[in-house]
């Protein structure tokens, strides 16, 4: 099974696959970021509010994060998505 990156509608990027250990994460300077082991997937923060950046800690659900497309659609319709 290939590594898959799923974009959650109002949450993180979720990386899954049989060989998730092959994923290499680097920071803006190209330095390796240690990836937690023993988890079936890797969740990366998109809201910017996670205390455990670059990893998701669920804060998006507490702050009402809306991804770009969802936020634009809500603005156009005059309500929440």
PDB file of N, CA and C in Angstrom:
ATOM      1  N   UNK A   1       0.847  -1.181   0.000  1.00  0.00           N
ATOM      2  CA  UNK A   1       0.000   0.000   0.000  1.00  0.00           C
ATOM      3  C   UNK A   1       0.888   1.239   0.000  1.00  0.00           C
ATOM      4  N   UNK A   2       0.623   2.199  -0.880  1.00  0.00           N
ATOM      5  CA  UNK A   2       1.450   3.401  -0.930  1.00  0.00           C
ATOM      6  C   UNK A   2       1.183   4.307   0.273  1.00  0.00           C
ATOM      7  N   UNK A   3       2.095   5.214   0.509  1.00  0.00           N
ATOM      8  CA  UNK A   3       1.870   6.225   1.535  1.00  0.00           C
ATOM      9  C   UNK A   3       0.833   7.196   0.981  1.00  0.00           C
ATOM     10  N   UNK A   4      -0.166   7.503   1.798  1.00  0.00           N
ATOM     11  CA  UNK A   4      -1.264   8.371   1.385  1.00  0.00           C
ATOM     12  C   UNK A   4      -1.326   9.574   2.311  1.00  0.00           C
ATOM     13  N   UNK A   5      -1.565  10.749   1.736  1.00  0.00           N
ATOM     14  CA  UNK A   5      -1.769  11.953   2.530  1.00  0.00           C
ATOM     15  C   UNK A   5      -3.208  12.394   2.323  1.00  0.00           C
ATOM     16  N   UNK A   6      -3.991  12.345   3.398  1.00  0.00           N
ATOM     17  CA  UNK A   6      -5.396  12.744   3.344  1.00  0.00           C
ATOM     18  C   UNK A   6      -5.523  14.136   3.964  1.00  0.00           C
ATOM     19  N   UNK A   7      -6.260  15.000   3.297  1.00  0.00           N
ATOM     20  CA  UNK A   7      -6.486  16.345   3.802  1.00  0.00           C
ATOM     21  C   UNK A   7      -7.835  16.346   4.503  1.00  0.00           C
ATOM     22  N   UNK A   8      -7.815  16.427   5.827  1.00  0.00           N
ATOM     23  CA  UNK A   8      -9.066  16.451   6.582  1.00  0.00           C
ATOM     24  C   UNK A   8      -9.785  17.769   6.304  1.00  0.00           C
ATOM     25  N   UNK A   9     -11.104  17.730   6.211  1.00  0.00           N
ATOM     26  CA  UNK A   9     -11.888  18.910   5.840  1.00  0.00           C
ATOM     27  C   UNK A   9     -11.599  20.105   6.747  1.00  0.00           C
ATOM     28  N   UNK A  10     -11.600  19.888   8.034  1.00  0.00           N
ATOM     29  CA  UNK A  10     -11.311  20.983   8.972  1.00  0.00           C
ATOM     30  C   UNK A  10     -10.292  20.541  10.013  1.00  0.00           C
ATOM     31  N   UNK A  11      -9.341  19.713   9.582  1.00  0.00           N
ATOM     32  CA  UNK A  11      -8.344  19.211  10.514  1.00  0.00           C
ATOM     33  C   UNK A  11      -6.982  19.061   9.872  1.00  0.00           C
ATOM     34  N   UNK A  12      -6.214  18.097  10.353  1.00  0.00           N
ATOM     35  CA  UNK A  12      -4.822  17.956   9.936  1.00  0.00           C
ATOM     36  C   UNK A  12      -4.634  17.256   8.588  1.00  0.00           C
ATOM     37  N   UNK A  13      -3.389  17.196   8.173  1.00  0.00           N
ATOM     38  CA  UNK A  13      -2.975  16.321   7.082  1.00  0.00           C
ATOM     39  C   UNK A  13      -2.687  14.983   7.746  1.00  0.00           C
ATOM     40  N   UNK A  14      -3.286  13.909   7.242  1.00  0.00           N
ATOM     41  CA  UNK A  14      -3.128  12.593   7.860  1.00  0.00           C
ATOM     42  C   UNK A  14      -2.345  11.706   6.898  1.00  0.00           C
ATOM     43  N   UNK A  15      -1.173  11.281   7.334  1.00  0.00           N
ATOM     44  CA  UNK A  15      -0.293  10.459   6.503  1.00  0.00           C
ATOM     45  C   UNK A  15      -0.391   9.014   6.980  1.00  0.00           C
ATOM     46  N   UNK A  16      -0.767   8.120   6.051  1.00  0.00           N
ATOM     47  CA  UNK A  16      -0.910   6.710   6.379  1.00  0.00           C
ATOM     48  C   UNK A  16      -0.198   5.855   5.335  1.00  0.00           C
ATOM     49  N   UNK A  17       0.045   4.609   5.702  1.00  0.00           N
ATOM     50  CA  UNK A  17       0.660   3.666   4.776  1.00  0.00           C
ATOM     51  C   UNK A  17       1.370   2.572   5.546  1.00  0.00           C
ATOM     52  N   UNK A  18       1.611   1.470   4.871  1.00  0.00           N
ATOM     53  CA  UNK A  18       2.278   0.340   5.517  1.00  0.00           C
ATOM     54  C   UNK A  18       3.701   0.674   5.938  1.00  0.00           C
ATOM     55  N   UNK A  19       4.353   1.549   5.196  1.00  0.00           N
ATOM     56  CA  UNK A  19       5.755   1.866   5.476  1.00  0.00           C
ATOM     57  C   UNK A  19       5.908   3.315   5.926  1.00  0.00           C
ATOM     58  N   UNK A  20       5.073   3.720   6.897  1.00  0.00           N
ATOM     59  CA  UNK A  20       5.085   5.092   7.395  1.00  0.00           C
ATOM     60  C   UNK A  20       6.465   5.476   7.948  1.00  0.00           C
ATOM     61  N   UNK A  21       7.253   4.496   8.364  1.00  0.00           N
ATOM     62  CA  UNK A  21       8.592   4.768   8.885  1.00  0.00           C
ATOM     63  C   UNK A  21       9.507   5.351   7.808  1.00  0.00           C
ATOM     64  N   UNK A  22       9.124   5.219   6.545  1.00  0.00           N
ATOM     65  CA  UNK A  22       9.927   5.759   5.450  1.00  0.00           C
ATOM     66  C   UNK A  22       9.719   7.266   5.252  1.00  0.00           C
ATOM     67  N   UNK A  23       8.720   7.825   5.926  1.00  0.00           N
ATOM     68  CA  UNK A  23       8.465   9.259   5.798  1.00  0.00           C
ATOM     69  C   UNK A  23       9.576  10.015   6.508  1.00  0.00           C
ATOM     70  N   UNK A  24      10.119  11.000   5.819  1.00  0.00           N
ATOM     71  CA  UNK A  24      11.140  11.853   6.424  1.00  0.00           C
ATOM     72  C   UNK A  24      10.580  13.264   6.490  1.00  0.00           C
ATOM     73  N   UNK A  25      10.608  13.841   7.665  1.00  0.00           N
ATOM     74  CA  UNK A  25      10.087  15.180   7.885  1.00  0.00           C
ATOM     75  C   UNK A  25      11.262  16.087   8.213  1.00  0.00           C
ATOM     76  N   UNK A  26      11.361  17.217   7.518  1.00  0.00           N
ATOM     77  CA  UNK A  26      12.446  18.165   7.773  1.00  0.00           C
ATOM     78  C   UNK A  26      11.853  19.544   8.011  1.00  0.00           C
ATOM     79  N   UNK A  27      12.561  20.368   8.788  1.00  0.00           N
ATOM     80  CA  UNK A  27      12.086  21.719   9.058  1.00  0.00           C
ATOM     81  C   UNK A  27      12.491  22.670   7.934  1.00  0.00           C
ATOM     82  N   UNK A  28      12.218  23.949   8.106  1.00  0.00           N
ATOM     83  CA  UNK A  28      12.485  24.944   7.067  1.00  0.00           C
ATOM     84  C   UNK A  28      13.966  25.108   6.747  1.00  0.00           C
ATOM     85  N   UNK A  29      14.836  24.613   7.629  1.00  0.00           N
ATOM     86  CA  UNK A  29      16.279  24.665   7.395  1.00  0.00           C
ATOM     87  C   UNK A  29      16.821  23.344   6.870  1.00  0.00           C
ATOM     88  N   UNK A  30      15.925  22.368   6.656  1.00  0.00           N
ATOM     89  CA  UNK A  30      16.344  21.067   6.167  1.00  0.00           C
ATOM     90  C   UNK A  30      16.797  20.107   7.253  1.00  0.00           C
ATOM     91  N   UNK A  31      16.619  20.489   8.515  1.00  0.00           N
ATOM     92  CA  UNK A  31      17.009  19.631   9.635  1.00  0.00           C
ATOM     93  C   UNK A  31      15.904  18.609   9.900  1.00  0.00           C
ATOM     94  N   UNK A  32      16.286  17.368  10.180  1.00  0.00           N
ATOM     95  CA  UNK A  32      15.279  16.329  10.449  1.00  0.00           C
ATOM     96  C   UNK A  32      14.432  16.638  11.683  1.00  0.00           C
ATOM     97  N   UNK A  33      13.159  16.320  11.591  1.00  0.00           N
ATOM     98  CA  UNK A  33      12.231  16.443  12.716  1.00  0.00           C
ATOM     99  C   UNK A  33      11.919  15.022  13.165  1.00  0.00           C
ATOM    100  N   UNK A  34      12.099  14.755  14.448  1.00  0.00           N
ATOM    101  CA  UNK A  34      11.839  13.408  14.965  1.00  0.00           C
ATOM    102  C   UNK A  34      10.348  13.104  14.896  1.00  0.00           C
ATOM    103  N   UNK A  35      10.031  11.964  14.335  1.00  0.00           N
ATOM    104  CA  UNK A  35       8.644  11.530  14.190  1.00  0.00           C
ATOM    105  C   UNK A  35       8.319  10.538  15.302  1.00  0.00           C
ATOM    106  N   UNK A  36       7.207  10.760  16.007  1.00  0.00           N
ATOM    107  CA  UNK A  36       6.814   9.805  17.057  1.00  0.00           C
ATOM    108  C   UNK A  36       6.656   8.398  16.485  1.00  0.00           C
ATOM    109  N   UNK A  37       7.082   7.406  17.226  1.00  0.00           N
ATOM    110  CA  UNK A  37       6.972   6.020  16.774  1.00  0.00           C
ATOM    111  C   UNK A  37       5.781   5.334  17.432  1.00  0.00           C
ATOM    112  N   UNK A  38       5.399   4.195  16.856  1.00  0.00           N
ATOM    113  CA  UNK A  38       4.338   3.386  17.440  1.00  0.00           C
ATOM    114  C   UNK A  38       2.932   3.853  17.120  1.00  0.00           C
ATOM    115  N   UNK A  39       2.784   4.752  16.159  1.00  0.00           N
ATOM    116  CA  UNK A  39       1.451   5.215  15.784  1.00  0.00           C
ATOM    117  C   UNK A  39       1.154   4.759  14.363  1.00  0.00           C
ATOM    118  N   UNK A  40      -0.114   4.437  14.062  1.00  0.00           N
ATOM    119  CA  UNK A  40      -0.461   3.939  12.723  1.00  0.00           C
ATOM    120  C   UNK A  40      -0.459   5.019  11.654  1.00  0.00           C
ATOM    121  N   UNK A  41      -0.484   6.291  12.080  1.00  0.00           N
ATOM    122  CA  UNK A  41      -0.466   7.377  11.109  1.00  0.00           C
ATOM    123  C   UNK A  41       0.244   8.589  11.703  1.00  0.00           C
ATOM    124  N   UNK A  42       0.440   9.568  10.865  1.00  0.00           N
ATOM    125  CA  UNK A  42       1.116  10.797  11.256  1.00  0.00           C
ATOM    126  C   UNK A  42       0.164  11.938  10.938  1.00  0.00           C
ATOM    127  N   UNK A  43      -0.119  12.791  11.906  1.00  0.00           N
ATOM    128  CA  UNK A  43      -1.042  13.907  11.696  1.00  0.00           C
ATOM    129  C   UNK A  43      -0.275  15.213  11.821  1.00  0.00           C
ATOM    130  N   UNK A  44      -0.301  15.996  10.743  1.00  0.00           N
ATOM    131  CA  UNK A  44       0.397  17.273  10.717  1.00  0.00           C
ATOM    132  C   UNK A  44      -0.602  18.420  10.828  1.00  0.00           C
ATOM    133  N   UNK A  45      -0.289  19.381  11.677  1.00  0.00           N
ATOM    134  CA  UNK A  45      -1.154  20.526  11.948  1.00  0.00           C
ATOM    135  C   UNK A  45      -1.305  21.416  10.724  1.00  0.00           C
ATOM    136  N   UNK A  46      -2.542  21.861  10.472  1.00  0.00           N
ATOM    137  CA  UNK A  46      -2.804  22.852   9.427  1.00  0.00           C
ATOM    138  C   UNK A  46      -3.333  24.153  10.012  1.00  0.00           C
ATOM    139  N   UNK A  47      -3.816  24.129  11.251  1.00  0.00           N
ATOM    140  CA  UNK A  47      -4.438  25.329  11.817  1.00  0.00           C
ATOM    141  C   UNK A  47      -3.421  26.311  12.385  1.00  0.00           C
ATOM    142  N   UNK A  48      -2.226  25.830  12.709  1.00  0.00           N
ATOM    143  CA  UNK A  48      -1.185  26.691  13.253  1.00  0.00           C
ATOM    144  C   UNK A  48      -1.265  26.888  14.757  1.00  0.00           C
ATOM    145  N   UNK A  49      -2.233  26.291  15.427  1.00  0.00           N
ATOM    146  CA  UNK A  49      -2.420  26.520  16.857  1.00  0.00           C
ATOM    147  C   UNK A  49      -1.959  25.355  17.735  1.00  0.00           C
ATOM    148  N   UNK A  50      -1.491  24.274  17.138  1.00  0.00           N
ATOM    149  CA  UNK A  50      -1.062  23.107  17.911  1.00  0.00           C
ATOM    150  C   UNK A  50       0.132  23.456  18.794  1.00  0.00           C
ATOM    151  N   UNK A  51       0.117  22.943  20.014  1.00  0.00           N
ATOM    152  CA  UNK A  51       1.243  23.121  20.928  1.00  0.00           C
ATOM    153  C   UNK A  51       2.381  22.178  20.537  1.00  0.00           C
ATOM    154  N   UNK A  52       2.060  21.131  19.794  1.00  0.00           N
ATOM    155  CA  UNK A  52       3.051  20.119  19.424  1.00  0.00           C
ATOM    156  C   UNK A  52       3.460  20.229  17.948  1.00  0.00           C
ATOM    157  N   UNK A  53       3.412  21.447  17.388  1.00  0.00           N
ATOM    158  CA  UNK A  53       3.768  21.648  15.980  1.00  0.00           C
ATOM    159  C   UNK A  53       5.089  20.979  15.654  1.00  0.00           C
ATOM    160  N   UNK A  54       5.214  20.363  14.535  1.00  0.00           N
ATOM    161  CA  UNK A  54       4.326  20.383  13.386  1.00  0.00           C
ATOM    162  C   UNK A  54       3.200  19.357  13.472  1.00  0.00           C
ATOM    163  N   UNK A  55       3.085  18.665  14.601  1.00  0.00           N
ATOM    164  CA  UNK A  55       2.087  17.612  14.744  1.00  0.00           C
ATOM    165  C   UNK A  55       0.780  18.173  15.297  1.00  0.00           C
ATOM    166  N   UNK A  56      -0.303  17.553  14.921  1.00  0.00           N
ATOM    167  CA  UNK A  56      -1.634  17.953  15.364  1.00  0.00           C
ATOM    168  C   UNK A  56      -1.879  17.479  16.792  1.00  0.00           C
ATOM    169  N   UNK A  57      -2.441  18.360  17.624  1.00  0.00           N
ATOM    170  CA  UNK A  57      -2.828  17.963  18.980  1.00  0.00           C
ATOM    171  C   UNK A  57      -4.330  18.114  19.210  1.00  0.00           C
ATOM    172  N   UNK A  58      -5.087  18.367  18.131  1.00  0.00           N
ATOM    173  CA  UNK A  58      -6.539  18.481  18.231  1.00  0.00           C
ATOM    174  C   UNK A  58      -7.047  19.884  18.501  1.00  0.00           C
ATOM    175  N   UNK A  59      -6.149  20.855  18.620  1.00  0.00           N
ATOM    176  CA  UNK A  59      -6.566  22.220  18.919  1.00  0.00           C
ATOM    177  C   UNK A  59      -7.505  22.782  17.865  1.00  0.00           C
ATOM    178  N   UNK A  60      -7.398  22.327  16.619  1.00  0.00           N
ATOM    179  CA  UNK A  60      -8.258  22.840  15.542  1.00  0.00           C
ATOM    180  C   UNK A  60      -9.737  22.742  15.903  1.00  0.00           C
ATOM    181  N   UNK A  61     -10.100  21.687  16.629  1.00  0.00           N
ATOM    182  CA  UNK A  61     -11.512  21.515  16.985  1.00  0.00           C
ATOM    183  C   UNK A  61     -11.939  22.475  18.093  1.00  0.00           C
ATOM    184  N   UNK A  62     -10.998  22.957  18.875  1.00  0.00           N
ATOM    185  CA  UNK A  62     -11.319  23.891  19.965  1.00  0.00           C
ATOM    186  C   UNK A  62     -11.398  25.333  19.487  1.00  0.00           C
ATOM    187  N   UNK A  63     -10.683  25.648  18.397  1.00  0.00           N
ATOM    188  CA  UNK A  63     -10.646  27.035  17.930  1.00  0.00           C
ATOM    189  C   UNK A  63     -11.563  27.282  16.735  1.00  0.00           C
ATOM    190  N   UNK A  64     -12.227  26.244  16.265  1.00  0.00           N
ATOM    191  CA  UNK A  64     -13.139  26.396  15.134  1.00  0.00           C
ATOM    192  C   UNK A  64     -12.433  26.580  13.811  1.00  0.00           C
ATOM    193  N   UNK A  65     -11.295  25.927  13.643  1.00  0.00           N
ATOM    194  CA  UNK A  65     -10.522  26.038  12.405  1.00  0.00           C
ATOM    195  C   UNK A  65     -11.329  25.614  11.199  1.00  0.00           C
ATOM    196  N   UNK A  66     -11.289  26.432  10.159  1.00  0.00           N
ATOM    197  CA  UNK A  66     -11.880  26.102   8.871  1.00  0.00           C
ATOM    198  C   UNK A  66     -10.776  26.197   7.828  1.00  0.00           C
ATOM    199  N   UNK A  67     -10.601  25.150   7.062  1.00  0.00           N
ATOM    200  CA  UNK A  67      -9.602  25.173   5.998  1.00  0.00           C
ATOM    201  C   UNK A  67     -10.007  26.213   4.966  1.00  0.00           C
ATOM    202  N   UNK A  68      -9.064  26.644   4.155  1.00  0.00           N
ATOM    203  CA  UNK A  68      -9.286  27.710   3.191  1.00  0.00           C
ATOM    204  C   UNK A  68     -10.565  27.597   2.385  1.00  0.00           C
ATOM    205  N   UNK A  69     -10.770  26.485   1.703  1.00  0.00           N
ATOM    206  CA  UNK A  69     -11.950  26.319   0.854  1.00  0.00           C
ATOM    207  C   UNK A  69     -13.228  26.346   1.684  1.00  0.00           C
ATOM    208  N   UNK A  70     -13.210  25.702   2.839  1.00  0.00           N
ATOM    209  CA  UNK A  70     -14.389  25.670   3.704  1.00  0.00           C
ATOM    210  C   UNK A  70     -14.716  27.074   4.200  1.00  0.00           C
ATOM    211  N   UNK A  71     -13.679  27.827   4.600  1.00  0.00           N
ATOM    212  CA  UNK A  71     -13.882  29.178   5.098  1.00  0.00           C
ATOM    213  C   UNK A  71     -14.442  30.084   4.014  1.00  0.00           C
ATOM    214  N   UNK A  72     -13.927  29.987   2.805  1.00  0.00           N
ATOM    215  CA  UNK A  72     -14.409  30.802   1.696  1.00  0.00           C
ATOM    216  C   UNK A  72     -15.856  30.472   1.384  1.00  0.00           C
ATOM    217  N   UNK A  73     -16.194  29.185   1.356  1.00  0.00           N
ATOM    218  CA  UNK A  73     -17.582  28.785   1.085  1.00  0.00           C
ATOM    219  C   UNK A  73     -18.524  29.291   2.168  1.00  0.00           C
ATOM    220  N   UNK A  74     -18.079  29.250   3.432  1.00  0.00           N
ATOM    221  CA  UNK A  74     -18.910  29.730   4.537  1.00  0.00           C
ATOM    222  C   UNK A  74     -19.116  31.246   4.419  1.00  0.00           C
ATOM    223  N   UNK A  75     -18.058  31.950   4.042  1.00  0.00           N
ATOM    224  CA  UNK A  75     -18.155  33.401   3.894  1.00  0.00           C
ATOM    225  C   UNK A  75     -19.123  33.766   2.779  1.00  0.00           C
ATOM    226  N   UNK A  76     -19.069  33.044   1.685  1.00  0.00           N
ATOM    227  CA  UNK A  76     -19.944  33.314   0.547  1.00  0.00           C
ATOM    228  C   UNK A  76     -21.407  33.042   0.874  1.00  0.00           C
ATOM    229  N   UNK A  77     -21.637  31.998   1.704  1.00  0.00           N
ATOM    230  CA  UNK A  77     -23.025  31.651   2.022  1.00  0.00           C
ATOM    231  C   UNK A  77     -23.540  32.419   3.238  1.00  0.00           C
ATOM    232  N   UNK A  78     -22.631  33.168   3.905  1.00  0.00           N
ATOM    233  CA  UNK A  78     -23.056  33.977   5.041  1.00  0.00           C
ATOM    234  C   UNK A  78     -23.218  33.219   6.341  1.00  0.00           C
ATOM    235  N   UNK A  79     -22.633  32.021   6.410  1.00  0.00           N
ATOM    236  CA  UNK A  79     -22.757  31.240   7.643  1.00  0.00           C
ATOM    237  C   UNK A  79     -21.574  30.320   7.829  1.00  0.00           C
ATOM    238  N   UNK A  80     -21.672  29.515   8.870  1.00  0.00           N
ATOM    239  CA  UNK A  80     -20.614  28.550   9.168  1.00  0.00           C
ATOM    240  C   UNK A  80     -20.737  27.361   8.221  1.00  0.00           C
ATOM    241  N   UNK A  81     -19.606  26.731   7.984  1.00  0.00           N
ATOM    242  CA  UNK A  81     -19.590  25.564   7.079  1.00  0.00           C
ATOM    243  C   UNK A  81     -20.078  24.324   7.763  1.00  0.00           C
TER     244      UNK A  81
END
